[in-house]
């Protein structure tokens, strides 16, 4: 339970654990307590502080009560965001020229040094980052060797980009250089090293604390070679949004520990806020930028309503832009880039009997656990996630007939198509229908992924690429197609945009149409509604807007949560 004390009222949040009903009933006994659905908190008047203190005094180690005092809130600090600076030095790139807004991104990056480049997907964050460090090096800054931390699917792309733009040979860390990669730096053979998130422990940690033994990231015993790096680039930095993950802790240790803080830390993410402002906290810590907001406690209280909400977002946006963040959107800086459209296709699934049985079992599980119907779409934890995933799987299988017809129709028109899925079974089913298609999935090697991407981009006879959302949702370019289809969807709006923008990038000359297949009267409809709702909080913080037209095919989506 969490109690947030304001000057005029209390906000009480109940955790969804085995004490939920007990704690909820205790709050309901307080006169005048009411539940605020938009914020998912109980509102309690200031006159009932004694009753809340009694609950606090009854807390146990397994049913803790967190009390956060905020008091009288000061007005939001909001001002005009300064325009992006112009680049006043010449950068001799080995290939091509930067666009004006990209040059401004380089100029701003050189000013900030530790920052988030939040440009919308497809605007060239990779190029801007490479050019920023290259320019800083030309100006005498100590930025090399540099470490790039990125998703596994983008390692080859990062290596290519370093070579293409500034003629630097980047090394991808792999087993054969595990013990001697640092020698390549000392001999001047490589200035840039690339490592995927999952391999950080292998290359930079000597000993990781046993489960339950870690107090903070300083308990991780690091390989001293991480100190060689003068700058760190973290691609898709929203992957660090959970500070409790092993990867986030290792990255924090690499970038910002008391005895060794990096001067250059560049985070890249078109969606740094996936769900709520709390997503920003670990990214700010990694950059050693929390001081702009006081400290962790003040940040959580001021902008996260104690950690689980969202407040004072305009001020957060202003302070971020003033001190550590910038973002441009395609509609503002790439006037020649066509807009996106989204459409939905409702499918009468062929697996209805199986789906209804799974749904009934799921509803019974929720009822037995004491949850109301209105809460169904919000319980995305543990067993709930597993059961919801099963509903998604059955729905996806039931949509395949209509998906097949759609794919065939697009291909018959002579166009290329990108299809996104989550499950290997769905990928395999589509591959069986269209054996000439290529894939980008977690089962493909790095070299095979790149070969398949290149074939889709350059071979006119290759019309279909079937992609796994996690393996292909970031860092790759698929502008040979202006059609994107989703048989299954991720859990967040941010991941949807990441996938869509594989086609909606610089180099695209056609309007991009994104098609979402929804199983009629299934979890798909509620999930799609949830995905769209989540975009508003993220956009309030980053200053993004979403003006894309939503068109509906066959029927309007039923957005009523059952």
Protein backbone atom coordinates (compact mmCIF):
# COMPACT_ATOMS: atom_id res chain seq x y z
CA UNK A 1 0.00 0.00 0.00
CA UNK A 2 1.18 3.53 -0.74
CA UNK A 3 -0.14 6.67 0.97
CA UNK A 4 0.75 10.00 -0.64
CA UNK A 5 0.05 12.99 1.61
CA UNK A 6 -0.86 16.27 -0.07
CA UNK A 7 -1.82 19.48 1.70
CA UNK A 8 -5.49 19.06 0.72
CA UNK A 9 -6.02 15.27 0.57
CA UNK A 10 -4.46 11.81 0.69
CA UNK A 11 -4.01 9.46 -2.28
CA UNK A 12 -3.95 5.77 -1.36
CA UNK A 13 -2.80 3.12 -3.84
CA UNK A 14 -3.49 -0.54 -3.20
CA UNK A 15 -1.03 -3.11 -4.54
CA UNK A 16 -2.46 -6.02 -6.49
CA UNK A 17 -1.24 -8.73 -4.17
CA UNK A 18 -2.81 -11.18 -1.75
CA UNK A 19 -3.54 -8.35 0.70
CA UNK A 20 -5.44 -6.28 -1.87
CA UNK A 21 -8.95 -7.06 -0.69
CA UNK A 22 -8.02 -6.65 2.99
CA UNK A 23 -6.32 -3.28 2.39
CA UNK A 24 -9.12 -2.12 0.11
CA UNK A 25 -11.76 -2.91 2.73
CA UNK A 26 -9.76 -1.02 5.36
CA UNK A 27 -9.77 2.11 3.21
CA UNK A 28 -13.47 1.77 2.40
CA UNK A 29 -14.23 1.94 6.14
CA UNK A 30 -12.89 5.52 6.23
CA UNK A 31 -15.84 7.93 5.83
CA UNK A 32 -15.86 9.80 2.54
CA UNK A 33 -13.16 7.66 0.92
CA UNK A 34 -13.81 7.43 -2.81
CA UNK A 35 -12.03 5.68 -5.67
CA UNK A 36 -10.68 7.85 -8.48
CA UNK A 37 -10.75 5.59 -11.55
CA UNK A 38 -8.56 7.70 -13.90
CA UNK A 39 -5.72 7.77 -11.36
CA UNK A 40 -6.50 4.36 -9.77
CA UNK A 41 -6.24 5.76 -6.23
CA UNK A 42 -8.53 6.17 -3.23
CA UNK A 43 -9.04 9.82 -2.25
CA UNK A 44 -9.20 10.39 1.52
CA UNK A 45 -9.82 13.73 3.23
CA UNK A 46 -7.19 15.36 5.44
CA UNK A 47 -9.42 14.94 8.49
CA UNK A 48 -8.83 11.19 8.49
CA UNK A 49 -5.06 11.20 8.90
CA UNK A 50 -5.30 9.32 12.22
CA UNK A 51 -7.09 6.39 10.56
CA UNK A 52 -4.38 6.22 7.89
CA UNK A 53 -1.66 6.36 10.54
CA UNK A 54 -3.31 3.38 12.25
CA UNK A 55 -2.96 1.43 8.98
CA UNK A 56 0.66 2.53 8.75
CA UNK A 57 1.34 1.33 12.29
CA UNK A 58 -0.09 -2.11 11.44
CA UNK A 59 2.31 -2.66 8.50
CA UNK A 60 4.38 -5.82 8.35
CA UNK A 61 7.43 -6.82 6.32
CA UNK A 62 5.16 -8.75 3.93
CA UNK A 63 2.44 -6.08 3.78
CA UNK A 64 4.38 -2.78 3.91
CA UNK A 65 2.85 0.69 3.86
CA UNK A 66 4.83 3.41 2.09
CA UNK A 67 4.05 6.96 3.26
CA UNK A 68 5.19 9.81 1.00
CA UNK A 69 4.78 13.42 2.10
CA UNK A 70 4.36 16.01 -0.63
CA UNK A 71 2.41 18.74 1.14
CA UNK A 72 1.56 21.93 -0.70
CA UNK A 73 2.54 21.61 -4.34
CA UNK A 74 4.34 24.52 -5.89
CA UNK A 75 3.16 25.77 -9.31
CA UNK A 76 4.68 24.13 -12.34
CA UNK A 77 7.83 25.74 -13.71
CA UNK A 78 7.13 26.22 -17.40
CA UNK A 79 8.93 28.43 -19.89
CA UNK A 80 9.78 28.69 -23.54
CA UNK A 81 11.99 25.90 -24.82
CA UNK A 82 15.08 27.32 -26.49
CA UNK A 83 15.46 26.65 -30.22
CA UNK A 84 18.02 24.07 -31.29
CA UNK A 85 21.46 25.57 -31.92
CA UNK A 86 23.11 25.61 -35.33
CA UNK A 87 26.33 23.68 -35.89
CA UNK A 88 29.13 26.19 -36.38
CA UNK A 89 31.88 23.73 -37.29
CA UNK A 90 32.39 21.63 -40.40
CA UNK A 91 32.32 17.86 -39.99
CA UNK A 92 34.07 15.91 -42.73
CA UNK A 93 31.84 12.89 -43.07
CA UNK A 94 33.08 10.05 -45.25
CA UNK A 95 29.69 9.59 -46.89
CA UNK A 96 26.98 12.13 -47.69
CA UNK A 97 25.80 15.14 -45.75
CA UNK A 98 23.59 15.60 -42.74
CA UNK A 99 20.22 17.26 -42.99
CA UNK A 100 19.94 20.66 -41.25
CA UNK A 101 17.98 19.28 -38.30
CA UNK A 102 20.55 16.49 -37.88
CA UNK A 103 23.35 19.06 -37.74
CA UNK A 104 21.39 20.90 -35.05
CA UNK A 105 21.09 17.62 -33.14
CA UNK A 106 24.87 17.28 -33.27
CA UNK A 107 25.32 20.85 -32.02
CA UNK A 108 22.93 20.29 -29.12
CA UNK A 109 24.56 16.97 -28.30
CA UNK A 110 27.97 18.61 -28.08
CA UNK A 111 26.50 21.13 -25.62
CA UNK A 112 24.83 18.54 -23.37
CA UNK A 113 27.23 15.54 -23.50
CA UNK A 114 24.91 13.46 -21.27
CA UNK A 115 21.49 13.48 -22.87
CA UNK A 116 18.60 11.66 -24.51
CA UNK A 117 18.10 12.06 -28.25
CA UNK A 118 14.36 11.47 -28.43
CA UNK A 119 13.90 12.10 -32.14
CA UNK A 120 11.03 10.21 -33.65
CA UNK A 121 11.98 6.89 -35.21
CA UNK A 122 13.56 7.15 -38.64
CA UNK A 123 15.11 10.63 -38.29
CA UNK A 124 18.70 9.42 -38.09
CA UNK A 125 19.57 9.22 -34.40
CA UNK A 126 22.41 6.82 -35.23
CA UNK A 127 24.03 9.26 -37.67
CA UNK A 128 23.63 12.19 -35.27
CA UNK A 129 25.28 10.24 -32.45
CA UNK A 130 28.21 9.10 -34.55
CA UNK A 131 28.70 12.62 -35.90
CA UNK A 132 28.49 14.11 -32.40
CA UNK A 133 31.33 11.99 -31.03
CA UNK A 134 33.33 12.41 -34.24
CA UNK A 135 32.97 16.20 -34.07
CA UNK A 136 33.81 16.24 -30.35
CA UNK A 137 36.94 14.24 -31.09
CA UNK A 138 37.94 16.75 -33.79
CA UNK A 139 37.49 19.52 -31.20
CA UNK A 140 39.91 17.81 -28.81
CA UNK A 141 37.36 16.11 -26.53
CA UNK A 142 38.34 12.74 -25.06
CA UNK A 143 35.52 10.52 -26.40
CA UNK A 144 37.22 7.36 -27.67
CA UNK A 145 37.16 4.46 -27.16
CA UNK A 146 33.37 4.38 -27.18
CA UNK A 147 30.98 1.60 -26.21
CA UNK A 148 27.69 1.10 -28.05
CA UNK A 149 25.06 -0.86 -26.11
CA UNK A 150 22.22 -1.89 -28.41
CA UNK A 151 19.69 -4.64 -29.23
CA UNK A 152 21.24 -7.72 -30.77
CA UNK A 153 19.44 -7.15 -34.08
CA UNK A 154 21.12 -3.76 -34.62
CA UNK A 155 24.79 -4.63 -33.92
CA UNK A 156 25.68 -5.14 -37.57
CA UNK A 157 23.87 -1.94 -38.51
CA UNK A 158 25.87 0.06 -35.94
CA UNK A 159 29.11 -1.43 -37.26
CA UNK A 160 28.15 -0.49 -40.83
CA UNK A 161 27.15 3.05 -39.86
CA UNK A 162 30.44 3.81 -38.09
CA UNK A 163 32.36 2.66 -41.15
CA UNK A 164 30.11 4.42 -43.64
CA UNK A 165 29.90 7.84 -42.00
CA UNK A 166 33.30 8.34 -40.31
CA UNK A 167 35.38 5.41 -41.62
CA UNK A 168 35.88 3.86 -38.18
CA UNK A 169 36.16 0.11 -37.75
CA UNK A 170 33.87 -0.91 -34.91
CA UNK A 171 34.30 -4.27 -33.17
CA UNK A 172 31.29 -6.37 -32.20
CA UNK A 173 32.10 -8.11 -28.92
CA UNK A 174 31.86 -11.87 -29.26
CA UNK A 175 33.35 -14.94 -27.64
CA UNK A 176 36.50 -15.08 -29.74
CA UNK A 177 37.63 -11.65 -28.42
CA UNK A 178 36.24 -11.97 -24.91
CA UNK A 179 39.65 -11.97 -23.25
CA UNK A 180 41.60 -9.61 -25.52
CA UNK A 181 39.19 -7.06 -27.02
CA UNK A 182 40.85 -4.29 -25.03
CA UNK A 183 44.16 -4.96 -26.81
CA UNK A 184 42.59 -3.85 -30.09
CA UNK A 185 41.87 -0.49 -28.46
CA UNK A 186 45.36 -0.13 -27.00
CA UNK A 187 46.90 -0.90 -30.40
CA UNK A 188 44.71 1.74 -32.06
CA UNK A 189 42.93 -0.78 -34.24
CA UNK A 190 39.41 -0.08 -32.92
CA UNK A 191 37.91 3.02 -31.33
CA UNK A 192 34.37 1.67 -31.06
CA UNK A 193 33.06 -1.52 -29.45
CA UNK A 194 29.53 -2.85 -29.76
CA UNK A 195 27.72 -5.07 -27.26
CA UNK A 196 24.09 -6.15 -27.06
CA UNK A 197 22.16 -5.81 -23.80
CA UNK A 198 22.05 -9.53 -23.08
CA UNK A 199 25.87 -9.88 -23.28
CA UNK A 200 26.83 -7.06 -20.90
CA UNK A 201 27.32 -9.43 -17.97
CA UNK A 202 29.53 -11.74 -20.04
CA UNK A 203 31.99 -9.00 -21.04
CA UNK A 204 31.93 -6.50 -18.18
CA UNK A 205 31.05 -8.33 -14.95
CA UNK A 206 33.42 -10.49 -12.91
CA UNK A 207 30.91 -11.41 -10.23
CA UNK A 208 27.22 -10.68 -9.89
CA UNK A 209 25.71 -10.83 -6.37
CA UNK A 210 23.58 -13.83 -5.48
CA UNK A 211 19.84 -13.39 -5.50
CA UNK A 212 18.72 -11.34 -2.50
CA UNK A 213 22.26 -10.22 -1.68
CA UNK A 214 22.40 -7.02 -3.77
CA UNK A 215 21.85 -3.69 -2.05
CA UNK A 216 22.60 -1.58 -5.12
CA UNK A 217 24.57 -1.68 -8.37
CA UNK A 218 27.83 -0.95 -6.54
CA UNK A 219 27.75 -4.53 -5.25
CA UNK A 220 28.45 -5.76 -8.79
CA UNK A 221 32.14 -6.60 -9.17
CA UNK A 222 33.07 -5.22 -12.57
CA UNK A 223 35.77 -6.13 -15.05
CA UNK A 224 38.11 -3.14 -14.77
CA UNK A 225 38.32 -2.90 -18.55
CA UNK A 226 35.00 -1.03 -18.62
CA UNK A 227 36.95 2.01 -17.41
CA UNK A 228 38.69 2.22 -20.80
CA UNK A 229 35.57 3.71 -22.38
CA UNK A 230 35.35 7.48 -22.53
CA UNK A 231 31.82 7.57 -23.92
CA UNK A 232 28.79 5.30 -23.81
CA UNK A 233 25.97 5.12 -26.36
CA UNK A 234 22.80 3.34 -25.26
CA UNK A 235 20.49 2.58 -28.18
CA UNK A 236 16.79 1.99 -27.38
CA UNK A 237 17.42 3.23 -23.84
CA UNK A 238 13.81 2.62 -22.79
CA UNK A 239 14.97 -0.96 -22.26
CA UNK A 240 16.47 0.37 -19.02
CA UNK A 241 13.13 1.63 -17.68
CA UNK A 242 13.04 -1.01 -14.95
CA UNK A 243 15.89 -0.29 -12.49
CA UNK A 244 15.51 -3.73 -10.98
CA UNK A 245 16.70 -5.59 -14.06
CA UNK A 246 20.21 -6.96 -14.32
CA UNK A 247 20.89 -5.06 -17.54
CA UNK A 248 19.84 -1.70 -16.09
CA UNK A 249 22.05 -2.22 -13.04
CA UNK A 250 25.09 -3.16 -15.11
CA UNK A 251 24.60 -0.16 -17.40
CA UNK A 252 24.28 2.13 -14.38
CA UNK A 253 27.53 0.68 -13.06
CA UNK A 254 29.27 1.26 -16.40
CA UNK A 255 28.04 4.85 -16.82
CA UNK A 256 27.59 6.47 -13.45
CA UNK A 257 29.17 5.06 -10.30
CA UNK A 258 30.66 7.24 -7.55
CA UNK A 259 34.27 6.46 -8.44
CA UNK A 260 33.87 6.42 -12.21
CA UNK A 261 31.36 8.69 -13.98
CA UNK A 262 31.42 8.97 -17.74
CA UNK A 263 31.46 12.48 -19.17
CA UNK A 264 29.75 11.37 -22.39
CA UNK A 265 26.60 9.26 -22.08
CA UNK A 266 24.19 9.39 -25.03
CA UNK A 267 20.81 7.68 -24.79
CA UNK A 268 18.75 7.08 -27.92
CA UNK A 269 15.04 6.39 -27.84
CA UNK A 270 12.09 7.70 -29.79
CA UNK A 271 9.95 6.42 -26.91
CA UNK A 272 11.88 7.05 -23.65
CA UNK A 273 8.59 6.94 -21.71
CA UNK A 274 6.83 3.66 -22.43
CA UNK A 275 4.05 3.86 -19.85
CA UNK A 276 4.61 6.41 -17.06
CA UNK A 277 7.15 9.02 -15.91
CA UNK A 278 8.77 6.47 -13.61
CA UNK A 279 10.26 4.98 -16.81
CA UNK A 280 12.57 8.01 -16.95
CA UNK A 281 14.08 7.60 -13.49
CA UNK A 282 16.67 4.88 -14.29
CA UNK A 283 17.59 6.64 -17.55
CA UNK A 284 18.23 9.87 -15.64
CA UNK A 285 20.35 7.97 -13.12
CA UNK A 286 22.40 6.36 -15.90
CA UNK A 287 23.16 9.84 -17.28
CA UNK A 288 23.86 11.16 -13.77
CA UNK A 289 21.17 13.78 -14.40
CA UNK A 290 18.81 13.36 -11.43
CA UNK A 291 20.20 16.51 -9.83
CA UNK A 292 18.10 18.61 -12.21
CA UNK A 293 15.04 17.28 -10.38
CA UNK A 294 16.45 17.30 -6.84
CA UNK A 295 16.90 13.61 -6.13
CA UNK A 296 15.08 10.30 -6.57
CA UNK A 297 12.53 10.96 -3.83
CA UNK A 298 11.69 14.43 -5.12
CA UNK A 299 11.45 13.20 -8.72
CA UNK A 300 9.05 10.41 -7.76
CA UNK A 301 6.95 12.72 -5.61
CA UNK A 302 6.79 15.60 -8.07
CA UNK A 303 6.30 13.78 -11.37
CA UNK A 304 5.21 10.24 -10.53
CA UNK A 305 2.72 10.80 -7.67
CA UNK A 306 4.98 8.72 -5.49
CA UNK A 307 6.11 6.35 -8.24
CA UNK A 308 3.03 4.91 -9.95
CA UNK A 309 1.25 7.91 -11.40
CA UNK A 310 1.88 10.97 -13.56
CA UNK A 311 1.85 14.62 -12.52
CA UNK A 312 3.35 18.00 -13.47
CA UNK A 313 4.15 16.68 -16.93
CA UNK A 314 4.49 20.11 -18.56
CA UNK A 315 7.20 21.05 -16.08
CA UNK A 316 8.94 17.72 -16.61
CA UNK A 317 8.91 18.29 -20.36
CA UNK A 318 10.30 21.82 -19.93
CA UNK A 319 13.12 20.85 -17.54
CA UNK A 320 14.12 17.89 -19.69
CA UNK A 321 14.34 20.01 -22.83
CA UNK A 322 16.33 22.67 -21.03
CA UNK A 323 18.87 20.29 -19.55
CA UNK A 324 19.12 16.83 -21.09
CA UNK A 325 16.70 16.05 -23.89
CA UNK A 326 15.57 17.01 -27.35
CA UNK A 327 13.04 15.61 -29.75
CA UNK A 328 11.96 16.39 -33.31
CA UNK A 329 9.11 14.78 -35.22
CA UNK A 330 8.97 13.79 -38.85
CA UNK A 331 6.15 16.17 -39.62
CA UNK A 332 8.31 19.07 -38.39
CA UNK A 333 11.72 18.33 -39.90
CA UNK A 334 11.26 15.89 -42.74
CA UNK A 335 8.58 17.56 -44.81
CA UNK A 336 9.12 15.14 -47.66
CA UNK A 337 8.37 12.10 -45.49
CA UNK A 338 4.78 10.91 -46.01
CA UNK A 339 2.47 10.59 -43.05
CA UNK A 340 1.33 7.27 -41.66
CA UNK A 341 -2.18 5.92 -41.61
CA UNK A 342 -3.53 3.07 -39.54
CA UNK A 343 -6.41 0.78 -40.32
CA UNK A 344 -7.92 -2.14 -38.46
CA UNK A 345 -9.47 -5.26 -39.93
CA UNK A 346 -11.90 -7.20 -37.76
CA UNK A 347 -11.62 -10.94 -38.26
CA UNK A 348 -14.18 -13.60 -37.41
CA UNK A 349 -11.70 -16.04 -35.89
CA UNK A 350 -11.82 -19.71 -36.84
CA UNK A 351 -10.80 -20.74 -33.33
CA UNK A 352 -13.91 -19.38 -31.61
CA UNK A 353 -14.75 -22.53 -29.59
CA UNK A 354 -11.20 -22.82 -28.27
CA UNK A 355 -11.06 -19.10 -27.57
CA UNK A 356 -14.34 -19.02 -25.64
CA UNK A 357 -13.24 -21.93 -23.46
CA UNK A 358 -9.93 -20.19 -22.64
CA UNK A 359 -11.76 -16.92 -22.01
CA UNK A 360 -14.25 -18.55 -19.63
CA UNK A 361 -11.40 -20.20 -17.73
CA UNK A 362 -9.66 -16.83 -17.53
CA UNK A 363 -12.76 -15.01 -16.26
CA UNK A 364 -13.34 -17.72 -13.66
CA UNK A 365 -9.74 -17.35 -12.52
CA UNK A 366 -10.24 -13.61 -12.10
CA UNK A 367 -13.51 -14.05 -10.23
CA UNK A 368 -11.98 -16.62 -7.90
CA UNK A 369 -9.16 -14.16 -7.22
CA UNK A 370 -11.61 -11.41 -6.31
CA UNK A 371 -11.07 -9.11 -9.28
CA UNK A 372 -13.94 -7.24 -10.92
CA UNK A 373 -14.67 -7.22 -14.63
CA UNK A 374 -13.56 -3.57 -14.93
CA UNK A 375 -10.06 -4.52 -13.84
CA UNK A 376 -9.47 -7.36 -16.31
CA UNK A 377 -7.46 -5.35 -18.87
CA UNK A 378 -5.15 -3.93 -16.19
CA UNK A 379 -3.77 -7.04 -14.52
CA UNK A 380 -0.70 -7.63 -16.64
CA UNK A 381 1.38 -9.50 -14.16
CA UNK A 382 2.38 -13.07 -13.47
CA UNK A 383 -0.26 -15.67 -14.22
CA UNK A 384 -2.53 -13.01 -15.68
CA UNK A 385 0.07 -12.31 -18.38
CA UNK A 386 0.29 -16.03 -19.18
CA UNK A 387 -3.46 -16.41 -19.50
CA UNK A 388 -3.81 -13.24 -21.58
CA UNK A 389 -0.97 -14.46 -23.78
CA UNK A 390 -2.88 -17.67 -24.40
CA UNK A 391 -5.94 -15.68 -25.50
CA UNK A 392 -3.73 -13.68 -27.86
CA UNK A 393 -2.25 -16.87 -29.29
CA UNK A 394 -5.62 -18.50 -29.97
CA UNK A 395 -6.92 -15.30 -31.55
CA UNK A 396 -3.84 -15.01 -33.77
CA UNK A 397 -4.26 -18.58 -35.03
CA UNK A 398 -7.88 -17.86 -35.79
CA UNK A 399 -6.99 -14.82 -37.95
CA UNK A 400 -4.63 -16.63 -40.30
CA UNK A 401 -7.15 -17.27 -43.09
CA UNK A 402 -7.89 -13.56 -43.45
CA UNK A 403 -4.21 -12.71 -43.04
CA UNK A 404 -3.38 -15.08 -45.90
CA UNK A 405 -5.94 -13.45 -48.19
CA UNK A 406 -4.65 -9.98 -47.31
CA UNK A 407 -1.00 -10.90 -47.94
CA UNK A 408 -1.88 -12.50 -51.26
CA UNK A 409 -3.85 -9.45 -52.32
CA UNK A 410 -0.96 -7.07 -51.51
CA UNK A 411 1.55 -9.28 -53.34
CA UNK A 412 -0.75 -9.67 -56.33
CA UNK A 413 -0.79 -5.88 -56.63
CA UNK A 414 3.00 -5.98 -57.03
CA UNK A 415 3.74 -4.39 -53.64
CA UNK A 416 5.99 -5.53 -50.82
CA UNK A 417 4.71 -6.18 -47.31
CA UNK A 418 6.17 -6.32 -43.78
CA UNK A 419 4.28 -8.62 -41.39
CA UNK A 420 4.90 -8.49 -37.62
CA UNK A 421 4.17 -11.37 -35.24
CA UNK A 422 5.21 -12.38 -31.73
CA UNK A 423 5.04 -16.16 -31.68
CA UNK A 424 7.29 -18.46 -33.67
CA UNK A 425 4.27 -20.64 -34.44
CA UNK A 426 2.59 -17.74 -36.26
CA UNK A 427 5.81 -16.92 -38.13
CA UNK A 428 6.10 -20.57 -39.18
CA UNK A 429 2.48 -20.71 -40.31
CA UNK A 430 2.91 -17.67 -42.56
CA UNK A 431 6.20 -18.99 -43.90
CA UNK A 432 4.45 -22.23 -44.81
CA UNK A 433 1.82 -20.25 -46.73
CA UNK A 434 4.46 -18.15 -48.49
CA UNK A 435 7.69 -20.18 -48.72
CA UNK A 436 9.52 -17.48 -50.74
CA UNK A 437 9.26 -15.02 -47.86
CA UNK A 438 12.22 -14.10 -45.63
CA UNK A 439 12.32 -13.58 -41.88
CA UNK A 440 13.88 -11.53 -39.11
CA UNK A 441 13.40 -13.45 -35.88
CA UNK A 442 15.34 -14.39 -32.78
CA UNK A 443 16.10 -17.76 -34.37
CA UNK A 444 18.01 -16.14 -37.26
CA UNK A 445 21.71 -15.43 -36.84
CA UNK A 446 22.94 -11.85 -37.15
CA UNK A 447 24.33 -12.53 -40.61
CA UNK A 448 21.13 -14.23 -41.76
CA UNK A 449 19.00 -11.36 -40.47
CA UNK A 450 21.07 -8.83 -42.38
CA UNK A 451 21.05 -10.97 -45.52
CA UNK A 452 17.26 -11.23 -45.34
CA UNK A 453 16.89 -7.49 -44.80
CA UNK A 454 19.17 -6.75 -47.74
CA UNK A 455 17.25 -9.17 -49.95
CA UNK A 456 13.92 -7.59 -49.06
CA UNK A 457 15.31 -4.10 -49.64
CA UNK A 458 17.06 -4.83 -52.93
CA UNK A 459 15.48 -7.86 -54.60
CA UNK A 460 12.25 -7.04 -56.47
CA UNK A 461 11.17 -10.68 -56.38
CA UNK A 462 11.24 -10.74 -52.55
CA UNK A 463 7.85 -9.32 -51.63
CA UNK A 464 7.25 -10.54 -48.07
CA UNK A 465 9.29 -10.30 -44.89
CA UNK A 466 7.90 -11.87 -41.71
CA UNK A 467 9.31 -10.25 -38.58
CA UNK A 468 9.30 -10.99 -34.89
CA UNK A 469 8.32 -7.84 -32.97
CA UNK A 470 11.25 -8.00 -30.55
CA UNK A 471 13.87 -9.05 -33.09
CA UNK A 472 12.94 -6.56 -35.84
CA UNK A 473 11.14 -3.76 -34.02
CA UNK A 474 14.17 -1.49 -33.70
CA UNK A 475 17.20 -0.30 -35.59
CA UNK A 476 16.56 -1.75 -39.05
CA UNK A 477 15.34 -0.12 -42.25
CA UNK A 478 12.67 -1.71 -44.44
CA UNK A 479 11.71 1.24 -46.65
CA UNK A 480 11.30 -1.01 -49.69
CA UNK A 481 7.75 -1.45 -48.43
CA UNK A 482 5.11 1.09 -47.52
CA UNK A 483 2.75 -1.56 -46.13
CA UNK A 484 3.03 -2.89 -42.59
CA UNK A 485 0.70 -5.47 -41.04
CA UNK A 486 0.34 -6.78 -37.49
CA UNK A 487 -1.05 -10.24 -36.83
CA UNK A 488 -0.13 -9.88 -33.16
CA UNK A 489 0.76 -6.79 -31.14
CA UNK A 490 3.13 -5.84 -28.34
CA UNK A 491 1.80 -4.58 -25.02
CA UNK A 492 2.72 -0.92 -25.53
CA UNK A 493 2.12 1.87 -28.01
CA UNK A 494 5.85 2.58 -28.04
CA UNK A 495 6.64 -0.88 -29.42
CA UNK A 496 3.91 -0.52 -32.07
CA UNK A 497 5.48 2.73 -33.29
CA UNK A 498 8.94 1.15 -33.31
CA UNK A 499 7.69 -1.58 -35.63
CA UNK A 500 5.72 0.77 -37.89
CA UNK A 501 8.74 2.98 -38.32
CA UNK A 502 10.83 0.27 -39.92
CA UNK A 503 9.02 1.42 -43.09
CA UNK A 504 8.27 5.03 -42.11
CA UNK A 505 11.82 6.33 -42.29
CA UNK A 506 13.91 8.70 -44.38
CA UNK A 507 14.08 7.20 -47.85
CA UNK A 508 10.41 6.28 -47.88
CA UNK A 509 8.65 7.86 -50.87
CA UNK A 510 5.13 6.52 -50.36
CA UNK A 511 2.39 6.88 -47.82
CA UNK A 512 2.81 4.19 -45.16
CA UNK A 513 -0.29 2.17 -44.30
CA UNK A 514 -0.24 0.13 -41.09
CA UNK A 515 -2.87 -2.60 -40.86
CA UNK A 516 -3.85 -4.23 -37.58
CA UNK A 517 -5.77 -7.51 -37.63
CA UNK A 518 -8.16 -7.73 -34.68
CA UNK A 519 -10.07 -10.83 -33.71
CA UNK A 520 -13.73 -9.84 -33.47
CA UNK A 521 -14.99 -9.97 -29.87
CA UNK A 522 -11.58 -11.00 -28.52
CA UNK A 523 -8.86 -9.60 -26.30
CA UNK A 524 -7.40 -7.97 -29.44
CA UNK A 525 -9.93 -5.14 -29.31
CA UNK A 526 -9.27 -4.29 -25.66
CA UNK A 527 -5.52 -4.56 -26.16
CA UNK A 528 -5.60 -2.26 -29.17
CA UNK A 529 -7.63 0.29 -27.17
CA UNK A 530 -5.13 0.06 -24.31
CA UNK A 531 -2.20 0.55 -26.68
CA UNK A 532 -3.74 3.73 -28.09
CA UNK A 533 -4.59 5.07 -24.62
CA UNK A 534 -0.99 4.65 -23.44
CA UNK A 535 0.33 7.02 -26.08
CA UNK A 536 -1.14 10.10 -24.38
CA UNK A 537 0.96 9.98 -21.19
CA UNK A 538 4.18 9.38 -23.11
CA UNK A 539 3.42 12.20 -25.55
CA UNK A 540 2.71 14.67 -22.72
CA UNK A 541 6.22 14.18 -21.34
CA UNK A 542 8.26 14.11 -24.53
CA UNK A 543 6.22 16.80 -26.27
CA UNK A 544 5.26 14.39 -29.03
CA UNK A 545 2.00 14.51 -30.93
CA UNK A 546 0.17 11.88 -32.87
CA UNK A 547 -1.96 13.24 -35.70
CA UNK A 548 -2.22 9.98 -37.62
CA UNK A 549 -5.63 9.28 -39.05
CA UNK A 550 -7.32 6.17 -37.68
CA UNK A 551 -9.53 4.44 -40.26
CA UNK A 552 -11.57 1.39 -39.44
CA UNK A 553 -12.29 -1.46 -41.86
CA UNK A 554 -15.44 -3.63 -41.66
CA UNK A 555 -16.68 -2.35 -38.30
CA UNK A 556 -15.79 0.20 -35.62
CA UNK A 557 -13.70 -1.34 -32.84
CA UNK A 558 -15.72 -2.05 -29.72
CA UNK A 559 -13.68 -0.10 -27.15
CA UNK A 560 -15.79 -0.97 -24.13
CA UNK A 561 -13.82 -2.95 -21.55
CA UNK A 562 -15.85 -5.99 -20.70
